[in-house]
Amino acid sequence: MIKAEQKPVDEILGFLDAYKRILLVGCNGCAAVCHAGGEREVAILAATLRMARKKLGQKLEILEETSPRQCEPEFVDALAGKTEDVEAILSIACGVGVQALAERFSEIPVYPGVNTMFMGKTVEPGVWVERCQACGNCVLHLTGGICPVTRCAKQLLNGPCGGSRDGVCEIDGETPCAWQAIYDRLKATGQLDRLELFVPAKRWGRESRDRGPRTIVRGDLKQ
C-alpha cells in the first residue's frame, strides 16, 4: 500500500494562513492504514489547527470529512456538497488523492497535508518499509521475490556490486545487501540458476515516468 506521513503542522498552517473556512478531507484507504490520513487523523489535525490559530487570535473554521478513497471519482464527486463556501481544501490522502480533488474542484485551492513516501509493507505497528517503486516491469520472478530496484541502493539488476561486505550494503552499514538476500532466497528455494539469466537494462522512458504519467487501459472494463 501507499505509505504517507503528515507534514509538519507549521508547514500546513503556512498553507492555510490566508483562509478562514476550509474543508479537511481524509481518506480511509492507504492513508488510514498507515495512520496518516484516516478519520482519526482528520479529527486530531483539525483540533490541532484550530488550537494553533486560536493562539494567534485567528479563527479557522474547519469542515471535517473522510472519503472512502480519494482516488476514485465517485467518492470525490460525493464531496461536492461539502465544498460550498470553503476557501480551500486540505487533503491528507496521498498525492493521488490531492490531485483528484484539485482536478474535480478546480476553482478551489487544494493543499497536501501529508507527504506521500512510498509503496511498502508493515514491519510492525508504526514501522513501514518500502518494497515497490512501481517501475513498470516486474522482475520478482527472477529475484526470489526480492526487488533489486527498491532494495538495492544502486538498483542493480544483474547481481551485486563489489562493495558489499558480510551481507551489508557499502552505502549504509545498517542496510542489508539486497543481492545477498536474493542469493540466499534463490539458494533456499533451489533456484540459483536464475542468477545466470541476464536482465536487460530497464527502458525507463517506457516503463517509468520519463514520458509523463503512465496509463493502464483495460478494454474489458472500459465503458
Foldseek 3Di string as FASTA:
>chain_A
DWDKAFDPLVVVCVVCVVFAEEEEEFELPPCVVLPQGAQVNQVVSVVVSQVVCVVVVGHHHYHYYYFPHLLDVVRLVVCVVVCPPGQAYEYADEPNSQVSNCVVCVVHHYHYRIYTDEDFDDPDRNDTDHQDDQQQDDPCVLQLNGQLCRQAPVSDDQADDPQDDPQAHNVDRVRGHSRVVSCVNCVVVVNNVSSVDDDDDDPSCPRHAPVHDDDDDDPVPDD
